[in-house]
């Protein structure tokens, strides 16, 4: 009888137990193991908002194995009994607020963490994850985004790369500030986002510490490790850093450095069109590795080696993304037109303001070039589907949509619209529907039929004034 009473008292005490933050344990519940994106439901997680990533990775670019730890500072948006992070690497240990925490791996992509004490709504908490692995050999749902070769590594890709080198709430909705510290053998260089704030010798290694001051989506964080020709300076008050792989020939390396030097003037021109440059530094990186694409990594886009007179348009495209994609990020990956269509349009705007073809003439010529049966018109670029977010139609038809809108509502309303879009969503996220609503507000016109024809119809828009074509 005594034992039964003791057990009953224990149950009653537990029923009223609270966490260190004052949260009733019964009020806590698991955060979701997915952010709810309709295209990539496993991306991101629920129940918290990341404020800062402090990443400490060690890698030898000649070998490729990675060992590291990351401290995540987050705020609980609900009472949390457990929560998830996205991470592909093997996990060695996890701590929450300095106390060792239990963890499981529901899938290769998910790290599920159960703290010893529940986390209360609104509480700031710290998570440290220790990990290791060979990122190049890791795949998830058909993707192997890690890019590396003998002596060079580029941790850059879209939409997925973060879980291959640090634990993340991997969705553009949850932006955070970053400190990125990468340790490499002495004689190797590291380039990453933001500004270089430290470089320290540690025995036979060197730690490169980069800091991104402004909130950034997880996929836009990057680092390159290897041997680079690096240059930096300040122009018109804006700090810049460029890097080009030493694995390129001296002639090609100098050619790429000359191209990257154009970034400063291109950023200045873009600011005259779209409003102030949103970040504290700029520049670019050229890798010797075959990537097949350039990417708008925040503050410092990354490029493959580029050839021909049109190479500068790729630089324009990626730098335009600093406004459209980086500063104002997609709310869901369905909204990708807001990134790629806008950056593509700015290529044509650059041409027309630098002695080239007008964007209006480009639209007319391109519309005439693609017959009604061409596959360019087969996609609804406002709803491209997860497999087609980087289809050529999102870029080409996406840019056409903006010039057609410009034709339809006029220059004053159009440029006011783009600038106000950036102002209203600065540092955050946007949806296609929000842009449509703002376009109607700025122009004073009803534009449902226009956007339906260009974004949500799988056929060639009719050649009418209402569609910005006559």
Protein backbone atom coordinates (compact mmCIF):
# COMPACT_ATOMS: atom_id res chain seq x y z
CA UNK A 1 0.00 0.00 0.00
CA UNK A 2 2.85 2.40 0.81
CA UNK A 3 4.52 1.70 -2.54
CA UNK A 4 1.27 2.44 -4.38
CA UNK A 5 0.87 5.79 -2.60
CA UNK A 6 4.45 6.77 -3.45
CA UNK A 7 3.86 5.94 -7.08
CA UNK A 8 0.63 7.94 -7.10
CA UNK A 9 2.37 10.95 -5.53
CA UNK A 10 5.09 10.70 -8.20
CA UNK A 11 2.46 10.81 -10.92
CA UNK A 12 0.82 13.87 -9.36
CA UNK A 13 4.16 15.67 -9.07
CA UNK A 14 5.00 14.89 -12.69
CA UNK A 15 1.59 16.09 -13.79
CA UNK A 16 2.44 19.55 -12.51
CA UNK A 17 6.09 19.54 -13.58
CA UNK A 18 7.46 22.44 -15.60
CA UNK A 19 10.56 23.01 -17.65
CA UNK A 20 13.32 25.41 -16.66
CA UNK A 21 11.53 28.01 -18.75
CA UNK A 22 8.31 27.59 -16.80
CA UNK A 23 6.54 25.60 -19.50
CA UNK A 24 4.16 22.85 -18.46
CA UNK A 25 5.48 19.66 -19.99
CA UNK A 26 1.96 18.81 -21.08
CA UNK A 27 1.82 22.07 -23.07
CA UNK A 28 4.87 21.11 -25.11
CA UNK A 29 4.60 19.13 -28.33
CA UNK A 30 6.93 18.08 -31.16
CA UNK A 31 7.88 20.58 -33.83
CA UNK A 32 7.06 19.37 -37.32
CA UNK A 33 9.68 17.47 -39.27
CA UNK A 34 9.06 19.49 -42.42
CA UNK A 35 8.30 23.09 -43.30
CA UNK A 36 5.19 22.43 -45.38
CA UNK A 37 6.55 23.57 -48.74
CA UNK A 38 4.27 22.06 -51.41
CA UNK A 39 7.23 21.15 -53.64
CA UNK A 40 9.73 20.01 -51.01
CA UNK A 41 7.78 19.02 -47.88
CA UNK A 42 10.85 17.68 -46.05
CA UNK A 43 12.63 21.04 -46.31
CA UNK A 44 12.68 23.08 -43.14
CA UNK A 45 11.00 22.29 -39.86
CA UNK A 46 8.33 23.70 -37.58
CA UNK A 47 8.21 25.12 -34.08
CA UNK A 48 11.15 27.51 -34.07
CA UNK A 49 12.83 30.39 -35.86
CA UNK A 50 16.62 30.38 -36.33
CA UNK A 51 18.35 33.65 -35.57
CA UNK A 52 22.02 32.71 -36.05
CA UNK A 53 24.26 29.91 -37.32
CA UNK A 54 27.82 29.64 -35.99
CA UNK A 55 29.44 27.07 -38.29
CA UNK A 56 32.84 25.48 -37.62
CA UNK A 57 33.87 23.00 -40.31
CA UNK A 58 37.23 21.46 -41.12
CA UNK A 59 37.96 20.12 -44.58
CA UNK A 60 41.00 19.24 -46.65
CA UNK A 61 40.06 20.07 -50.28
CA UNK A 62 42.57 17.47 -51.43
CA UNK A 63 40.60 14.71 -49.66
CA UNK A 64 37.04 15.98 -49.15
CA UNK A 65 36.13 14.58 -45.74
CA UNK A 66 34.42 17.09 -43.47
CA UNK A 67 34.36 17.28 -39.67
CA UNK A 68 32.58 20.04 -37.86
CA UNK A 69 30.21 21.49 -35.32
CA UNK A 70 27.56 24.17 -35.55
CA UNK A 71 25.81 26.17 -32.86
CA UNK A 72 22.27 27.18 -33.80
CA UNK A 73 20.58 30.01 -31.93
CA UNK A 74 16.80 29.81 -32.27
CA UNK A 75 13.57 31.07 -30.74
CA UNK A 76 10.73 28.66 -30.06
CA UNK A 77 7.47 29.67 -31.75
CA UNK A 78 5.59 27.05 -29.68
CA UNK A 79 6.26 24.85 -26.71
CA UNK A 80 8.71 22.20 -27.94
CA UNK A 81 9.14 18.72 -26.54
CA UNK A 82 11.36 17.91 -29.52
CA UNK A 83 12.35 19.46 -32.85
CA UNK A 84 14.11 18.64 -36.11
CA UNK A 85 17.04 20.00 -38.09
CA UNK A 86 17.95 19.09 -41.67
CA UNK A 87 21.34 17.39 -41.90
CA UNK A 88 22.79 14.73 -44.20
CA UNK A 89 26.08 14.15 -42.35
CA UNK A 90 26.67 11.61 -39.58
CA UNK A 91 25.94 13.02 -36.13
CA UNK A 92 28.31 12.49 -33.23
CA UNK A 93 26.59 14.40 -30.44
CA UNK A 94 23.93 17.03 -29.74
CA UNK A 95 23.60 19.53 -26.90
CA UNK A 96 20.64 21.81 -26.14
CA UNK A 97 21.37 24.74 -23.83
CA UNK A 98 24.60 23.05 -22.78
CA UNK A 99 23.03 19.73 -21.83
CA UNK A 100 23.52 16.54 -23.83
CA UNK A 101 20.31 15.76 -25.76
CA UNK A 102 18.89 12.57 -27.20
CA UNK A 103 18.70 12.39 -30.99
CA UNK A 104 17.42 10.01 -33.66
CA UNK A 105 17.54 9.91 -37.46
CA UNK A 106 14.01 9.32 -38.83
CA UNK A 107 15.57 9.55 -42.30
CA UNK A 108 18.96 10.39 -43.77
CA UNK A 109 17.77 13.97 -44.17
CA UNK A 110 16.32 14.51 -40.69
CA UNK A 111 17.93 14.99 -37.31
CA UNK A 112 15.32 14.72 -34.55
CA UNK A 113 16.37 16.18 -31.20
CA UNK A 114 14.72 15.62 -27.82
CA UNK A 115 16.04 17.99 -25.13
CA UNK A 116 16.06 16.88 -21.51
CA UNK A 117 13.86 19.88 -20.68
CA UNK A 118 10.99 21.19 -22.77
CA UNK A 119 11.48 24.56 -24.44
CA UNK A 120 8.88 27.22 -23.73
CA UNK A 121 7.14 29.40 -26.29
CA UNK A 122 9.24 32.46 -27.01
CA UNK A 123 12.34 31.03 -25.34
CA UNK A 124 15.73 31.46 -27.00
CA UNK A 125 17.65 28.19 -27.06
CA UNK A 126 21.06 27.03 -28.25
CA UNK A 127 21.71 23.80 -30.11
CA UNK A 128 25.17 22.42 -30.78
CA UNK A 129 25.55 19.56 -33.24
CA UNK A 130 28.84 17.72 -33.86
CA UNK A 131 29.07 15.83 -37.16
CA UNK A 132 31.31 14.33 -39.82
CA UNK A 133 31.10 12.74 -43.24
CA UNK A 134 32.00 12.79 -46.93
CA UNK A 135 29.49 15.21 -48.52
CA UNK A 136 30.33 14.24 -52.10
CA UNK A 137 28.97 10.74 -51.58
CA UNK A 138 25.67 11.76 -49.99
CA UNK A 139 22.46 11.77 -52.00
CA UNK A 140 18.86 12.55 -51.14
CA UNK A 141 15.90 11.92 -53.44
CA UNK A 142 18.05 11.90 -56.54
CA UNK A 143 20.18 14.91 -55.59
CA UNK A 144 23.92 14.96 -54.96
CA UNK A 145 24.55 18.72 -54.84
CA UNK A 146 28.09 18.76 -53.42
CA UNK A 147 30.69 19.97 -55.95
CA UNK A 148 34.32 19.00 -55.45
CA UNK A 149 37.45 17.88 -57.25
CA UNK A 150 41.08 17.31 -56.47
CA UNK A 151 42.15 20.28 -54.40
CA UNK A 152 38.93 22.35 -54.64
CA UNK A 153 35.51 22.33 -53.00
CA UNK A 154 32.46 24.50 -53.67
CA UNK A 155 29.62 24.12 -51.17
CA UNK A 156 27.01 25.83 -53.36
CA UNK A 157 23.78 24.69 -54.97
CA UNK A 158 20.03 25.38 -55.18
CA UNK A 159 17.56 24.57 -53.74
CA UNK A 160 19.51 22.14 -51.55
CA UNK A 161 23.06 22.32 -50.20
CA UNK A 162 22.96 23.39 -46.52
CA UNK A 163 22.38 19.92 -44.97
CA UNK A 164 25.50 18.66 -46.76
CA UNK A 165 27.74 20.87 -44.60
CA UNK A 166 25.80 22.19 -41.59
CA UNK A 167 22.54 21.48 -39.70
CA UNK A 168 19.83 23.88 -40.84
CA UNK A 169 16.19 24.81 -40.87
CA UNK A 170 16.52 24.48 -44.61
CA UNK A 171 13.87 26.68 -46.15
CA UNK A 172 14.04 30.29 -47.43
CA UNK A 173 11.27 31.30 -45.01
CA UNK A 174 13.66 31.00 -42.06
CA UNK A 175 16.49 33.47 -42.64
CA UNK A 176 19.31 33.94 -40.16
CA UNK A 177 22.68 35.60 -39.69
CA UNK A 178 25.82 33.54 -40.21
CA UNK A 179 29.33 33.14 -38.90
CA UNK A 180 31.20 30.69 -41.13
CA UNK A 181 34.56 29.39 -39.88
CA UNK A 182 36.28 26.90 -42.18
CA UNK A 183 39.58 25.24 -41.30
CA UNK A 184 41.84 24.14 -44.17
CA UNK A 185 45.51 23.12 -44.48
CA UNK A 186 47.79 26.14 -44.47
CA UNK A 187 48.35 27.32 -48.02
CA UNK A 188 44.69 26.79 -48.93
CA UNK A 189 42.18 29.64 -49.04
CA UNK A 190 38.50 29.88 -48.08
CA UNK A 191 35.96 32.31 -49.50
CA UNK A 192 32.41 32.61 -48.18
CA UNK A 193 29.56 35.08 -47.63
CA UNK A 194 29.95 38.51 -46.10
CA UNK A 195 33.21 39.92 -44.79
CA UNK A 196 36.39 38.18 -43.71
CA UNK A 197 36.63 38.97 -39.99
CA UNK A 198 39.40 36.59 -38.97
CA UNK A 199 42.22 34.41 -40.24
CA UNK A 200 44.22 32.44 -37.69
CA UNK A 201 46.93 29.78 -37.83
CA UNK A 202 46.29 26.55 -35.91
CA UNK A 203 49.33 24.33 -36.23
CA UNK A 204 49.45 23.11 -39.82
CA UNK A 205 45.99 24.55 -40.53
CA UNK A 206 44.41 27.97 -41.01
CA UNK A 207 40.94 29.02 -39.86
CA UNK A 208 39.11 31.46 -42.13
CA UNK A 209 36.21 33.25 -40.42
CA UNK A 210 33.58 34.99 -42.58
CA UNK A 211 30.55 36.84 -41.21
CA UNK A 212 27.26 37.58 -43.00
CA UNK A 213 25.60 40.41 -41.11
CA UNK A 214 22.26 40.39 -42.91
CA UNK A 215 19.62 37.64 -42.65
CA UNK A 216 20.15 34.97 -45.28
CA UNK A 217 18.31 31.91 -46.56
CA UNK A 218 20.11 28.66 -45.75
CA UNK A 219 20.77 27.63 -49.38
CA UNK A 220 22.48 30.97 -50.09
CA UNK A 221 25.22 30.30 -47.51
CA UNK A 222 28.31 28.89 -49.20
CA UNK A 223 32.04 28.39 -48.99
CA UNK A 224 34.75 27.63 -51.49
CA UNK A 225 38.00 26.00 -50.38
CA UNK A 226 41.15 25.50 -52.40
CA UNK A 227 43.74 27.83 -53.86
CA UNK A 228 42.38 31.14 -55.12
CA UNK A 229 43.66 34.45 -56.40
CA UNK A 230 41.85 36.82 -54.04
CA UNK A 231 41.43 40.57 -54.38
CA UNK A 232 39.47 43.01 -52.25
CA UNK A 233 38.90 46.71 -51.85
CA UNK A 234 36.28 49.42 -51.40
CA UNK A 235 34.50 51.33 -54.17
CA UNK A 236 32.02 54.12 -53.51
CA UNK A 237 31.81 53.03 -49.90
CA UNK A 238 30.99 49.37 -50.73
CA UNK A 239 33.49 46.70 -49.76
CA UNK A 240 34.13 43.95 -52.34
CA UNK A 241 36.04 40.67 -52.47
CA UNK A 242 36.65 38.56 -55.58
CA UNK A 243 38.30 35.16 -55.88
CA UNK A 244 39.29 33.05 -58.89
CA UNK A 245 40.57 29.48 -58.77
CA UNK A 246 44.32 29.11 -59.17
CA UNK A 247 43.62 25.91 -61.09
CA UNK A 248 42.70 28.06 -64.11
CA UNK A 249 45.51 29.13 -66.43
CA UNK A 250 47.09 32.52 -65.66
CA UNK A 251 45.45 34.04 -68.75
CA UNK A 252 41.99 32.67 -67.87
CA UNK A 253 42.43 33.65 -64.25
CA UNK A 254 43.17 37.25 -65.17
CA UNK A 255 40.27 37.28 -67.63
CA UNK A 256 37.89 36.11 -64.90
CA UNK A 257 39.26 38.64 -62.40
CA UNK A 258 38.63 41.38 -64.96
CA UNK A 259 35.07 40.13 -65.39
CA UNK A 260 34.45 40.05 -61.64
CA UNK A 261 35.73 43.62 -61.39
CA UNK A 262 32.62 44.62 -63.35
CA UNK A 263 30.52 43.54 -60.37
CA UNK A 264 31.09 46.88 -58.65
CA UNK A 265 29.79 48.98 -61.55
CA UNK A 266 26.92 46.55 -62.22
CA UNK A 267 25.82 46.74 -58.58
CA UNK A 268 25.93 50.52 -58.86
CA UNK A 269 23.77 50.45 -61.97
CA UNK A 270 21.29 48.00 -60.43
CA UNK A 271 20.92 50.32 -57.44
CA UNK A 272 19.80 53.11 -59.81
CA UNK A 273 17.06 50.81 -61.09
CA UNK A 274 15.92 48.94 -57.98
CA UNK A 275 16.96 51.00 -54.99
CA UNK A 276 19.95 50.74 -52.62
CA UNK A 277 22.08 47.62 -52.68
CA UNK A 278 20.73 45.56 -49.76
CA UNK A 279 23.98 44.20 -48.28
CA UNK A 280 27.30 45.39 -46.86
CA UNK A 281 29.67 43.77 -49.36
CA UNK A 282 29.74 42.33 -52.87
CA UNK A 283 32.03 40.47 -55.26
CA UNK A 284 32.16 37.04 -56.81
CA UNK A 285 33.93 33.69 -57.03
CA UNK A 286 34.97 31.72 -60.12
CA UNK A 287 35.65 28.01 -59.63
CA UNK A 288 37.57 25.64 -61.87
CA UNK A 289 35.02 22.92 -61.12
CA UNK A 290 32.30 22.08 -63.61
CA UNK A 291 29.03 23.22 -62.10
CA UNK A 292 26.94 23.91 -65.20
CA UNK A 293 25.43 26.98 -63.52
CA UNK A 294 26.14 30.20 -61.67
CA UNK A 295 24.47 30.88 -58.34
CA UNK A 296 23.42 34.03 -56.48
CA UNK A 297 25.05 33.24 -53.13
CA UNK A 298 24.26 36.23 -50.96
CA UNK A 299 26.85 39.03 -51.22
CA UNK A 300 29.15 36.89 -53.40
CA UNK A 301 27.74 34.97 -56.40
CA UNK A 302 29.63 31.93 -57.63
CA UNK A 303 30.39 31.24 -61.29
CA UNK A 304 31.98 28.60 -63.48
CA UNK A 305 34.62 29.77 -65.93
CA UNK A 306 32.76 31.86 -68.53
CA UNK A 307 33.57 32.66 -72.14
CA UNK A 308 32.32 34.99 -74.85
CA UNK A 309 31.04 38.55 -75.05
CA UNK A 310 27.83 37.67 -73.19
CA UNK A 311 29.55 36.57 -69.98
CA UNK A 312 28.76 39.90 -68.34
CA UNK A 313 25.02 39.17 -68.65
CA UNK A 314 25.47 36.20 -66.30
CA UNK A 315 27.07 38.58 -63.79
CA UNK A 316 24.13 40.97 -64.22
CA UNK A 317 21.70 38.10 -63.65
CA UNK A 318 23.34 36.87 -60.43
CA UNK A 319 23.78 40.36 -59.03
CA UNK A 320 20.14 41.21 -59.78
CA UNK A 321 19.32 38.22 -57.59
CA UNK A 322 20.79 40.10 -54.64
CA UNK A 323 17.52 42.07 -54.73
CA UNK A 324 15.26 39.36 -56.21
CA UNK A 325 15.92 36.07 -54.44
CA UNK A 326 18.36 37.06 -51.71
CA UNK A 327 16.96 40.22 -50.10
CA UNK A 328 13.40 39.31 -51.10
CA UNK A 329 13.25 35.51 -51.06
CA UNK A 330 10.51 33.17 -52.19
CA UNK A 331 7.84 32.23 -49.69
CA UNK A 332 7.61 28.76 -51.25
CA UNK A 333 9.56 27.24 -54.13
CA UNK A 334 6.41 27.55 -56.23
CA UNK A 335 7.17 31.30 -56.30
CA UNK A 336 10.48 30.82 -58.15
CA UNK A 337 9.36 33.17 -60.98
CA UNK A 338 9.91 36.02 -58.53
CA UNK A 339 13.61 35.08 -58.56
CA UNK A 340 14.49 33.83 -62.01
CA UNK A 341 12.07 35.81 -64.16
CA UNK A 342 13.08 39.05 -62.47
CA UNK A 343 16.85 38.47 -62.71
CA UNK A 344 16.46 37.46 -66.36
CA UNK A 345 14.48 40.60 -67.12
CA UNK A 346 17.24 42.75 -65.64
CA UNK A 347 19.67 41.29 -68.19
CA UNK A 348 17.58 42.83 -70.97
CA UNK A 349 17.14 46.07 -69.07
CA UNK A 350 20.93 46.26 -68.75
CA UNK A 351 21.33 45.75 -72.50
CA UNK A 352 18.86 48.48 -73.38
CA UNK A 353 20.58 50.99 -71.08
CA UNK A 354 24.05 50.11 -72.38
CA UNK A 355 23.62 50.54 -76.11
CA UNK A 356 21.92 47.23 -76.87
CA UNK A 357 18.49 46.10 -77.97
CA UNK A 358 15.53 47.47 -76.03
CA UNK A 359 13.70 45.07 -73.75
CA UNK A 360 10.48 45.87 -75.64
CA UNK A 361 12.05 44.82 -78.93
CA UNK A 362 13.49 41.71 -77.31
CA UNK A 363 9.99 40.77 -76.12
CA UNK A 364 8.50 41.27 -79.59
CA UNK A 365 11.26 39.24 -81.26
CA UNK A 366 11.13 36.43 -78.70
CA UNK A 367 7.35 36.21 -78.83
CA UNK A 368 7.53 35.89 -82.62
CA UNK A 369 10.37 33.35 -82.48
CA UNK A 370 8.55 30.73 -80.40
CA UNK A 371 5.51 29.27 -82.22
CA UNK A 372 2.38 28.38 -80.30
CA UNK A 373 3.35 24.71 -80.22
CA UNK A 374 6.76 25.28 -78.67
CA UNK A 375 7.40 23.71 -75.28
CA UNK A 376 8.20 27.16 -73.87
CA UNK A 377 4.44 27.71 -73.65
CA UNK A 378 3.64 24.29 -72.15
CA UNK A 379 4.41 25.29 -68.59
CA UNK A 380 2.49 27.41 -66.11
CA UNK A 381 5.48 29.31 -64.77
CA UNK A 382 3.47 30.48 -61.76
CA UNK A 383 3.06 26.78 -60.87
CA UNK A 384 6.05 25.04 -62.50
CA UNK A 385 6.17 21.94 -60.31
CA UNK A 386 9.12 20.78 -58.22
CA UNK A 387 10.93 19.13 -61.14
CA UNK A 388 10.76 22.25 -63.31
CA UNK A 389 11.61 25.19 -61.06
CA UNK A 390 14.72 25.85 -63.17
CA UNK A 391 13.16 25.14 -66.56
CA UNK A 392 14.12 27.60 -69.31
CA UNK A 393 10.50 28.78 -69.43
CA UNK A 394 10.76 30.13 -65.87
CA UNK A 395 13.63 32.33 -67.04
CA UNK A 396 12.65 33.22 -70.61
CA UNK A 397 8.88 33.37 -70.33
CA UNK A 398 9.38 34.84 -66.86
CA UNK A 399 11.36 37.79 -68.23
CA UNK A 400 8.83 38.20 -71.05
CA UNK A 401 6.08 38.49 -68.46
CA UNK A 402 7.76 41.44 -66.79
CA UNK A 403 8.40 43.32 -70.02
CA UNK A 404 4.81 42.67 -71.09
CA UNK A 405 3.68 44.04 -67.72
CA UNK A 406 5.89 47.07 -68.30
CA UNK A 407 4.24 47.59 -71.69
CA UNK A 408 0.81 47.20 -70.15
CA UNK A 409 1.10 49.56 -67.14
CA UNK A 410 3.80 51.97 -68.35
CA UNK A 411 7.31 52.77 -67.15
CA UNK A 412 6.43 54.94 -64.16
CA UNK A 413 4.11 52.40 -62.56
CA UNK A 414 6.38 49.48 -63.48
CA UNK A 415 9.58 50.80 -61.92
CA UNK A 416 7.69 52.07 -58.90
CA UNK A 417 6.28 48.55 -58.55
CA UNK A 418 9.71 46.85 -58.58
CA UNK A 419 11.21 49.31 -56.10
CA UNK A 420 8.22 49.13 -53.76
CA UNK A 421 8.28 45.32 -53.95
CA UNK A 422 11.83 45.36 -52.62
CA UNK A 423 11.04 47.95 -49.95
CA UNK A 424 7.95 46.13 -48.68
CA UNK A 425 9.62 42.72 -48.47
CA UNK A 426 13.14 43.79 -47.55
CA UNK A 427 14.92 41.03 -45.66
CA UNK A 428 11.90 38.75 -45.94
CA UNK A 429 9.85 36.69 -48.36
CA UNK A 430 7.24 37.20 -51.02
CA UNK A 431 4.55 35.28 -52.90
CA UNK A 432 3.40 35.64 -56.49
CA UNK A 433 -0.07 36.62 -55.32
CA UNK A 434 1.38 39.47 -53.27
CA UNK A 435 3.25 40.78 -56.31
CA UNK A 436 0.09 40.58 -58.40
CA UNK A 437 -1.85 42.55 -55.80
CA UNK A 438 0.88 45.19 -55.59
CA UNK A 439 0.94 45.50 -59.40
CA UNK A 440 -2.78 46.26 -59.41
CA UNK A 441 -2.34 48.76 -56.58
CA UNK A 442 0.56 50.57 -58.29
CA UNK A 443 -1.07 50.65 -61.72
CA UNK A 444 -4.70 51.14 -60.72
CA UNK A 445 -5.58 48.42 -63.25
CA UNK A 446 -7.29 45.05 -62.92
CA UNK A 447 -4.63 42.55 -64.01
CA UNK A 448 -6.12 39.12 -63.27
CA UNK A 449 -6.47 38.21 -66.94
CA UNK A 450 -2.95 39.42 -67.71
CA UNK A 451 -1.34 37.27 -65.02
CA UNK A 452 -3.55 34.31 -65.85
CA UNK A 453 -2.37 34.43 -69.46
CA UNK A 454 1.32 34.80 -68.65
CA UNK A 455 1.75 32.80 -65.44
CA UNK A 456 -1.07 30.31 -65.11
CA UNK A 457 -1.96 29.20 -68.64
CA UNK A 458 -0.06 26.48 -70.50
CA UNK A 459 -0.34 28.16 -73.89
CA UNK A 460 1.03 31.16 -75.75
CA UNK A 461 -0.62 34.41 -74.60
CA UNK A 462 -2.79 36.08 -77.21
CA UNK A 463 -1.18 38.96 -79.07
CA UNK A 464 -3.28 41.69 -77.49
CA UNK A 465 -2.73 45.03 -75.80
CA UNK A 466 -4.27 43.58 -72.65
CA UNK A 467 -1.41 41.07 -72.59
CA UNK A 468 1.20 43.79 -73.15
CA UNK A 469 1.86 42.69 -76.74
CA UNK A 470 0.22 45.21 -79.02
